[in-house]
Amino acid sequence: MSYRIKLHDLYFKPYLSAAEIQQRVHALGQKIAQDYAGKQPLFIGILNGAFVFAADLARACAMDADFAFVRLASYEGTSSSGVVKTMIGLNAPVEGRHLILVEDIIDTGRTMYHFLPELRKQGPASVAIATLLSKPEAREFELEPDYTGFEIPNKFVVGYGLDYDELGRNLPDIYQLDE
């Protein structure tokens, strides 16, 4: 893990190594597989940020499962715009299915707060949220993920799918804004 990186005009310092992330994702996958034994859940990855976590989590879950993606957006630069936009909608039927929403990060909770009611109208058997990162200090909407990789402070992070204006998603480690 290199010491400091620059993305656009900002510098970031190492925060979580790829090894730490993989160890935690593996543990989450085992827990989900245990909790959903005998079921065939539908994992719904929230694009763009969760694509790396969703892929690794899928491989860590030793079970039959289906996968779909939606694209929801609320970030501009390093902060939430306050508006959640659906860029690509869900095209898989969810009625009667056990759903596991896969998020890269839950900070304010706005994205899930706006998406969950629409999803629940479609009659799933259950809905759970798996997030790699959670920022409880930043929460503006009451929401508690069912599966959390790491609770982190309210600092901007990039890497492992998370970006700063589309840069940094491909980094295997997670970096924190170096203020």
Protein backbone atom coordinates (compact mmCIF):
# COMPACT_ATOMS: atom_id res chain seq x y z
CA MET A 1 0.00 0.00 0.00
CA SER A 2 1.68 3.17 -1.15
CA TYR A 3 1.82 6.09 1.26
CA ARG A 4 -0.06 8.90 -0.47
CA ILE A 5 -1.91 9.24 -3.75
CA LYS A 6 -3.30 12.17 -5.69
CA LEU A 7 -6.66 12.07 -7.48
CA HIS A 8 -7.58 15.20 -9.37
CA ASP A 9 -6.69 18.01 -6.94
CA LEU A 10 -6.82 16.06 -3.65
CA TYR A 11 -4.40 13.84 -1.74
CA PHE A 12 -5.38 10.63 0.02
CA LYS A 13 -3.55 8.53 2.63
CA PRO A 14 -3.79 4.77 3.22
CA TYR A 15 -6.69 3.65 5.39
CA LEU A 16 -7.61 -0.04 4.81
CA SER A 17 -5.35 -2.51 3.01
CA ALA A 18 -6.55 -4.94 0.37
CA ALA A 19 -5.73 -7.81 2.75
CA GLU A 20 -7.87 -6.32 5.55
CA ILE A 21 -10.73 -5.78 3.12
CA GLN A 22 -10.57 -9.31 1.70
CA GLN A 23 -10.49 -10.86 5.16
CA ARG A 24 -13.60 -8.94 6.21
CA VAL A 25 -15.46 -9.60 2.93
CA HIS A 26 -14.77 -13.32 3.33
CA ALA A 27 -16.21 -13.25 6.88
CA LEU A 28 -19.31 -11.37 5.66
CA GLY A 29 -19.78 -13.92 2.86
CA GLN A 30 -19.64 -16.81 5.31
CA LYS A 31 -22.17 -15.12 7.61
CA ILE A 32 -24.58 -14.39 4.75
CA ALA A 33 -24.28 -17.97 3.43
CA GLN A 34 -25.07 -19.25 6.93
CA ASP A 35 -28.04 -16.89 7.38
CA TYR A 36 -29.51 -17.74 3.95
CA ALA A 37 -28.81 -21.49 3.94
CA GLY A 38 -31.44 -23.28 1.88
CA LYS A 39 -32.59 -20.06 0.20
CA GLN A 40 -31.56 -18.57 -3.12
CA PRO A 41 -31.33 -14.83 -2.46
CA LEU A 42 -31.11 -12.13 -5.08
CA PHE A 43 -28.11 -9.89 -4.50
CA ILE A 44 -28.70 -6.38 -5.87
CA GLY A 45 -25.50 -4.40 -6.32
CA ILE A 46 -25.78 -0.63 -6.21
CA LEU A 47 -23.70 0.80 -9.04
CA ASN A 48 -21.27 2.27 -9.59
CA GLY A 49 -19.44 2.05 -6.29
CA ALA A 50 -20.44 -1.43 -5.11
CA PHE A 51 -19.31 -3.36 -8.19
CA VAL A 52 -15.99 -4.50 -6.67
CA PHE A 53 -17.49 -5.36 -3.27
CA ALA A 54 -20.44 -7.15 -4.93
CA ALA A 55 -18.11 -9.33 -7.01
CA ASP A 56 -15.91 -10.26 -4.06
CA LEU A 57 -18.91 -10.84 -1.77
CA ALA A 58 -20.53 -13.09 -4.39
CA ARG A 59 -17.40 -15.26 -4.50
CA ALA A 60 -17.25 -15.34 -0.69
CA CYS A 61 -20.82 -16.66 -0.38
CA ALA A 62 -20.80 -20.43 -0.88
CA MET A 63 -24.44 -20.71 -1.92
CA ASP A 64 -26.82 -20.54 -4.85
CA ALA A 65 -27.75 -16.94 -5.54
CA ASP A 66 -28.86 -14.62 -8.32
CA PHE A 67 -27.40 -11.21 -9.07
CA ALA A 68 -28.74 -7.95 -10.43
CA PHE A 69 -27.66 -4.32 -10.41
CA VAL A 70 -29.23 -0.89 -10.21
CA ARG A 71 -27.52 2.42 -10.61
CA LEU A 72 -28.40 5.08 -8.08
CA ALA A 73 -26.48 8.33 -7.82
CA SER A 74 -26.35 11.09 -5.22
CA TYR A 75 -22.70 12.16 -5.03
CA GLU A 76 -20.97 15.05 -6.77
CA GLY A 77 -17.31 15.52 -5.86
CA THR A 78 -16.76 14.72 -2.18
CA SER A 79 -20.31 15.31 -0.91
CA SER A 80 -23.88 14.19 -1.48
CA SER A 81 -25.98 16.35 -3.77
CA GLY A 82 -29.02 15.59 -1.60
CA VAL A 83 -30.91 14.15 -4.57
CA VAL A 84 -31.02 10.42 -5.37
CA LYS A 85 -31.32 9.66 -9.08
CA THR A 86 -32.09 6.24 -10.55
CA MET A 87 -29.84 5.93 -13.57
CA ILE A 88 -30.45 2.22 -14.30
CA GLY A 89 -33.47 0.51 -12.79
CA LEU A 90 -33.96 -3.03 -11.53
CA ASN A 91 -35.14 -5.42 -14.22
CA ALA A 92 -35.31 -8.64 -12.15
CA PRO A 93 -38.58 -9.73 -10.54
CA VAL A 94 -38.35 -9.49 -6.74
CA GLU A 95 -41.78 -10.61 -5.54
CA GLY A 96 -41.39 -13.33 -2.92
CA ARG A 97 -37.56 -13.20 -3.14
CA HIS A 98 -35.04 -12.70 -0.36
CA LEU A 99 -33.08 -9.60 -1.37
CA ILE A 100 -29.64 -8.54 -0.24
CA LEU A 101 -28.76 -5.00 -1.28
CA VAL A 102 -25.02 -4.58 -1.71
CA GLU A 103 -23.68 -1.08 -1.07
CA ASP A 104 -20.14 0.23 -1.04
CA ILE A 105 -20.81 2.77 1.69
CA ILE A 106 -23.69 4.05 3.77
CA ASP A 107 -23.12 7.52 5.14
CA THR A 108 -26.19 9.78 5.26
CA GLY A 109 -28.45 6.83 4.40
CA ARG A 110 -30.29 8.94 1.81
CA THR A 111 -29.84 6.52 -1.10
CA MET A 112 -31.28 3.52 0.76
CA TYR A 113 -33.98 5.65 2.41
CA HIS A 114 -35.32 6.60 -1.02
CA PHE A 115 -34.77 3.22 -2.71
CA LEU A 116 -36.16 0.85 -0.04
CA PRO A 117 -39.84 1.95 -0.17
CA GLU A 118 -39.92 1.50 -3.96
CA LEU A 119 -38.35 -1.94 -3.61
CA ARG A 120 -40.70 -3.05 -0.81
CA LYS A 121 -43.73 -2.13 -2.95
CA GLN A 122 -42.72 -5.02 -5.22
CA GLY A 123 -43.38 -7.60 -2.47
CA PRO A 124 -40.03 -9.23 -1.63
CA ALA A 125 -40.00 -11.90 1.10
CA SER A 126 -37.23 -10.00 2.89
CA VAL A 127 -34.74 -7.19 2.34
CA ALA A 128 -31.30 -7.00 3.95
CA ILE A 129 -28.48 -4.52 3.40
CA ALA A 130 -24.82 -5.49 3.16
CA THR A 131 -22.39 -2.58 3.09
CA LEU A 132 -18.63 -2.59 3.04
CA LEU A 133 -18.38 0.73 4.89
CA SER A 134 -20.71 2.51 7.30
CA LYS A 135 -20.38 6.05 8.64
CA PRO A 136 -22.78 6.21 11.62
CA GLU A 137 -21.65 9.78 12.44
CA ALA A 138 -22.91 10.97 9.05
CA ARG A 139 -26.34 9.29 9.24
CA GLU A 140 -29.24 11.66 8.47
CA PHE A 141 -31.83 8.94 7.86
CA GLU A 142 -32.60 6.13 10.27
CA LEU A 143 -31.04 3.08 8.70
CA GLU A 144 -29.00 0.22 10.09
CA PRO A 145 -27.27 -2.19 7.69
CA ASP A 146 -27.69 -5.90 8.39
CA TYR A 147 -24.11 -6.71 7.38
CA THR A 148 -21.29 -4.19 7.79
CA GLY A 149 -17.68 -4.64 6.81
CA PHE A 150 -16.20 -1.66 8.64
CA GLU A 151 -17.57 1.29 10.61
CA ILE A 152 -15.47 4.31 9.72
CA PRO A 153 -15.31 7.97 10.77
CA ASN A 154 -17.04 10.65 8.70
CA LYS A 155 -14.11 11.18 6.33
CA PHE A 156 -14.11 10.93 2.54
CA VAL A 157 -12.63 7.67 1.20
CA VAL A 158 -11.71 6.24 -2.21
CA GLY A 159 -10.61 2.90 -3.61
CA TYR A 160 -12.12 -0.58 -3.88
CA GLY A 161 -14.98 0.79 -6.00
CA LEU A 162 -15.31 4.17 -4.27
CA ASP A 163 -14.33 7.21 -6.30
CA TYR A 164 -13.59 10.90 -6.30
CA ASP A 165 -15.18 12.22 -9.50
CA GLU A 166 -14.73 8.77 -11.13
CA LEU A 167 -11.06 8.31 -10.18
CA GLY A 168 -9.80 5.74 -7.68
CA ARG A 169 -12.38 2.98 -8.14
CA ASN A 170 -9.73 0.54 -9.36
CA LEU A 171 -7.46 0.85 -6.31
CA PRO A 172 -7.31 -2.43 -4.32
CA ASP A 173 -6.89 -0.55 -1.02
CA ILE A 174 -9.06 2.15 0.56
CA TYR A 175 -7.59 5.63 1.07
CA GLN A 176 -8.85 8.47 3.24
CA LEU A 177 -8.75 12.16 2.35
CA ASP A 178 -5.49 13.62 3.67
CA GLU A 179 -6.56 16.99 5.06
